[in-house]
N, C-alpha and C. Protein backbone atom coordinates (compact mmCIF):
# COMPACT_ATOMS: atom_id res chain seq x y z
N LEU A 1 -163.00 -80.56 18.97
CA LEU A 1 -162.70 -79.58 17.95
C LEU A 1 -162.26 -78.30 18.64
N SER A 2 -161.12 -77.79 18.25
CA SER A 2 -160.57 -76.57 18.83
C SER A 2 -160.61 -75.46 17.78
N ILE A 3 -161.18 -74.32 18.14
CA ILE A 3 -161.29 -73.20 17.22
C ILE A 3 -160.66 -71.97 17.89
N PRO A 4 -159.72 -71.30 17.21
CA PRO A 4 -159.14 -70.09 17.80
C PRO A 4 -160.18 -68.97 17.85
N LEU A 5 -160.23 -68.27 18.96
CA LEU A 5 -161.21 -67.20 19.15
C LEU A 5 -160.53 -65.84 19.13
N ASP A 6 -161.23 -64.84 18.65
CA ASP A 6 -160.75 -63.47 18.61
C ASP A 6 -161.36 -62.73 19.79
N LYS A 7 -160.70 -62.84 20.95
CA LYS A 7 -161.22 -62.24 22.18
C LYS A 7 -161.17 -60.72 22.11
N PRO A 8 -162.29 -60.04 22.45
CA PRO A 8 -162.27 -58.57 22.48
C PRO A 8 -161.28 -58.06 23.52
N ALA A 9 -160.77 -56.86 23.30
CA ALA A 9 -159.82 -56.24 24.23
C ALA A 9 -160.51 -55.92 25.55
N PRO A 10 -159.76 -55.92 26.65
CA PRO A 10 -160.34 -55.52 27.93
C PRO A 10 -160.92 -54.11 27.84
N VAL A 11 -161.88 -53.82 28.71
CA VAL A 11 -162.55 -52.52 28.67
C VAL A 11 -162.57 -51.91 30.07
N SER A 12 -162.43 -50.58 30.12
CA SER A 12 -162.54 -49.84 31.37
C SER A 12 -163.98 -49.33 31.48
N LEU A 13 -164.66 -49.73 32.54
CA LEU A 13 -166.05 -49.33 32.73
C LEU A 13 -166.14 -48.09 33.61
N ARG A 14 -167.35 -47.58 33.79
CA ARG A 14 -167.56 -46.32 34.53
C ARG A 14 -167.13 -46.39 35.99
N ASP A 15 -166.93 -47.59 36.52
CA ASP A 15 -166.46 -47.69 37.91
C ASP A 15 -164.94 -47.55 38.00
N GLY A 16 -164.28 -47.34 36.85
CA GLY A 16 -162.83 -47.15 36.83
C GLY A 16 -162.02 -48.42 36.77
N LYS A 17 -162.67 -49.58 36.82
CA LYS A 17 -161.97 -50.86 36.77
C LYS A 17 -161.91 -51.37 35.34
N VAL A 18 -160.88 -52.18 35.07
CA VAL A 18 -160.73 -52.79 33.76
C VAL A 18 -161.21 -54.24 33.84
N TYR A 19 -162.03 -54.64 32.88
CA TYR A 19 -162.62 -55.98 32.88
C TYR A 19 -162.26 -56.72 31.60
N GLU A 20 -162.07 -58.02 31.72
CA GLU A 20 -161.79 -58.91 30.60
C GLU A 20 -163.12 -59.43 30.03
N TYR A 21 -163.12 -59.73 28.76
CA TYR A 21 -164.26 -60.40 28.14
C TYR A 21 -164.13 -61.91 28.33
N THR A 22 -165.27 -62.58 28.49
CA THR A 22 -165.29 -64.03 28.58
C THR A 22 -166.28 -64.59 27.56
N ALA A 23 -165.89 -65.72 26.97
CA ALA A 23 -166.79 -66.42 26.06
C ALA A 23 -167.97 -66.93 26.88
N ASN A 24 -169.18 -66.70 26.40
CA ASN A 24 -170.37 -67.04 27.16
C ASN A 24 -171.17 -68.07 26.38
N ASP A 25 -172.38 -67.75 26.01
CA ASP A 25 -173.25 -68.69 25.31
C ASP A 25 -172.81 -68.86 23.86
N ALA A 26 -173.14 -70.01 23.29
CA ALA A 26 -172.86 -70.28 21.88
C ALA A 26 -174.01 -71.10 21.31
N SER A 27 -174.16 -71.00 20.01
CA SER A 27 -175.15 -71.77 19.28
C SER A 27 -174.61 -72.05 17.89
N VAL A 28 -175.28 -72.91 17.16
CA VAL A 28 -174.86 -73.21 15.79
C VAL A 28 -176.01 -73.00 14.83
N ALA A 29 -175.66 -72.63 13.59
CA ALA A 29 -176.64 -72.45 12.51
C ALA A 29 -175.87 -72.40 11.21
N ASP A 30 -176.55 -72.64 10.11
CA ASP A 30 -175.95 -72.47 8.79
C ASP A 30 -176.15 -71.01 8.40
N LEU A 31 -175.16 -70.18 8.66
CA LEU A 31 -175.28 -68.74 8.46
C LEU A 31 -175.08 -68.30 7.02
N ASP A 32 -174.31 -69.06 6.25
CA ASP A 32 -173.98 -68.62 4.90
C ASP A 32 -174.57 -69.50 3.80
N GLY A 33 -175.43 -70.46 4.18
CA GLY A 33 -176.15 -71.27 3.20
C GLY A 33 -175.33 -72.32 2.50
N ASP A 34 -174.15 -72.67 3.05
CA ASP A 34 -173.31 -73.67 2.40
C ASP A 34 -173.60 -75.10 2.87
N GLY A 35 -174.60 -75.28 3.73
CA GLY A 35 -174.96 -76.60 4.22
C GLY A 35 -174.15 -77.06 5.42
N GLU A 36 -173.22 -76.23 5.91
CA GLU A 36 -172.42 -76.56 7.09
C GLU A 36 -172.75 -75.57 8.21
N TYR A 37 -172.68 -76.08 9.43
CA TYR A 37 -172.94 -75.22 10.58
C TYR A 37 -171.79 -74.26 10.82
N GLU A 38 -172.14 -73.06 11.29
CA GLU A 38 -171.18 -72.11 11.84
C GLU A 38 -171.55 -71.90 13.31
N ILE A 39 -170.60 -71.37 14.06
CA ILE A 39 -170.80 -71.14 15.50
C ILE A 39 -171.04 -69.65 15.73
N ILE A 40 -172.06 -69.35 16.52
CA ILE A 40 -172.33 -67.98 16.97
C ILE A 40 -171.96 -67.95 18.45
N LEU A 41 -171.03 -67.06 18.82
CA LEU A 41 -170.50 -66.99 20.18
C LEU A 41 -170.78 -65.62 20.77
N LYS A 42 -171.29 -65.59 22.01
CA LYS A 42 -171.55 -64.34 22.72
C LYS A 42 -170.41 -64.06 23.69
N TRP A 43 -169.88 -62.83 23.63
CA TRP A 43 -168.85 -62.37 24.56
C TRP A 43 -169.49 -61.44 25.59
N ASP A 44 -169.22 -61.69 26.88
CA ASP A 44 -169.71 -60.85 27.97
C ASP A 44 -168.53 -60.20 28.69
N CYS A 45 -168.81 -59.03 29.27
CA CYS A 45 -167.81 -58.33 30.08
C CYS A 45 -168.49 -57.86 31.36
N ASN A 46 -168.19 -58.53 32.47
CA ASN A 46 -168.78 -58.19 33.77
C ASN A 46 -170.31 -58.18 33.69
N GLY A 47 -170.87 -59.17 33.03
CA GLY A 47 -172.31 -59.24 32.82
C GLY A 47 -173.12 -59.26 34.10
N LYS A 48 -174.13 -58.42 34.15
CA LYS A 48 -175.04 -58.35 35.30
C LYS A 48 -176.46 -58.10 34.78
N ASP A 49 -177.44 -58.60 35.50
CA ASP A 49 -178.81 -58.21 35.16
C ASP A 49 -179.24 -57.08 36.09
N ASN A 50 -180.44 -56.57 35.90
CA ASN A 50 -180.85 -55.39 36.65
C ASN A 50 -181.12 -55.64 38.13
N SER A 51 -180.98 -56.87 38.61
CA SER A 51 -181.14 -57.13 40.04
C SER A 51 -179.82 -56.97 40.80
N HIS A 52 -178.73 -56.66 40.09
CA HIS A 52 -177.41 -56.49 40.71
C HIS A 52 -176.87 -55.10 40.42
N LYS A 53 -176.16 -54.53 41.40
CA LYS A 53 -175.49 -53.25 41.19
C LYS A 53 -174.26 -53.45 40.33
N GLY A 54 -173.85 -52.39 39.66
CA GLY A 54 -172.61 -52.44 38.91
C GLY A 54 -172.80 -52.08 37.45
N PHE A 55 -171.71 -52.22 36.72
CA PHE A 55 -171.69 -51.85 35.32
C PHE A 55 -171.38 -53.07 34.47
N THR A 56 -171.93 -53.06 33.28
CA THR A 56 -171.75 -54.15 32.33
C THR A 56 -171.13 -53.59 31.06
N GLY A 57 -170.17 -54.31 30.51
CA GLY A 57 -169.58 -53.91 29.24
C GLY A 57 -170.49 -54.27 28.08
N ASN A 58 -170.12 -53.81 26.89
CA ASN A 58 -170.88 -54.16 25.69
C ASN A 58 -170.85 -55.66 25.47
N VAL A 59 -171.90 -56.19 24.88
CA VAL A 59 -171.97 -57.60 24.51
C VAL A 59 -171.67 -57.69 23.02
N TYR A 60 -170.83 -58.65 22.63
CA TYR A 60 -170.49 -58.86 21.23
C TYR A 60 -170.92 -60.26 20.80
N LEU A 61 -171.28 -60.38 19.54
CA LEU A 61 -171.57 -61.68 18.93
C LEU A 61 -170.57 -61.90 17.80
N ASP A 62 -169.92 -63.06 17.80
CA ASP A 62 -169.00 -63.45 16.73
C ASP A 62 -169.57 -64.66 16.01
N ALA A 63 -169.27 -64.76 14.73
CA ALA A 63 -169.62 -65.95 13.95
C ALA A 63 -168.33 -66.55 13.42
N TYR A 64 -168.16 -67.87 13.63
CA TYR A 64 -166.96 -68.59 13.19
C TYR A 64 -167.35 -69.80 12.37
N LYS A 65 -166.58 -70.04 11.32
CA LYS A 65 -166.70 -71.31 10.60
C LYS A 65 -166.01 -72.37 11.45
N LEU A 66 -166.29 -73.64 11.21
CA LEU A 66 -165.68 -74.71 12.00
C LEU A 66 -164.17 -74.82 11.79
N ASN A 67 -163.65 -74.23 10.70
CA ASN A 67 -162.19 -74.22 10.49
C ASN A 67 -161.52 -73.06 11.23
N GLY A 68 -162.30 -72.24 11.95
CA GLY A 68 -161.75 -71.14 12.74
C GLY A 68 -161.84 -69.78 12.09
N LYS A 69 -162.22 -69.70 10.83
CA LYS A 69 -162.34 -68.41 10.15
C LYS A 69 -163.47 -67.60 10.77
N LYS A 70 -163.16 -66.36 11.20
CA LYS A 70 -164.20 -65.48 11.76
C LYS A 70 -164.94 -64.82 10.61
N LEU A 71 -166.27 -64.94 10.63
CA LEU A 71 -167.09 -64.34 9.59
C LEU A 71 -167.45 -62.90 9.89
N TRP A 72 -167.82 -62.61 11.14
CA TRP A 72 -168.19 -61.26 11.53
C TRP A 72 -168.23 -61.14 13.04
N ARG A 73 -168.22 -59.87 13.46
CA ARG A 73 -168.46 -59.51 14.87
C ARG A 73 -169.58 -58.50 14.84
């Protein structure tokens, strides 16, 4: 199953570099109560945990129906 994604725009972080967003973790749930699963997708930008130096962009969550319709960000 192929679903078109609405990738967030690249972001310039405090280190002066521009970073792209990448699709990361995903899960499924019935978000709108229609009995069908929707996909929840996490977008990361230069993701790091506190054990690494550097800057991390905002994290976004998108919800998509299986037909590709984006419900929310």
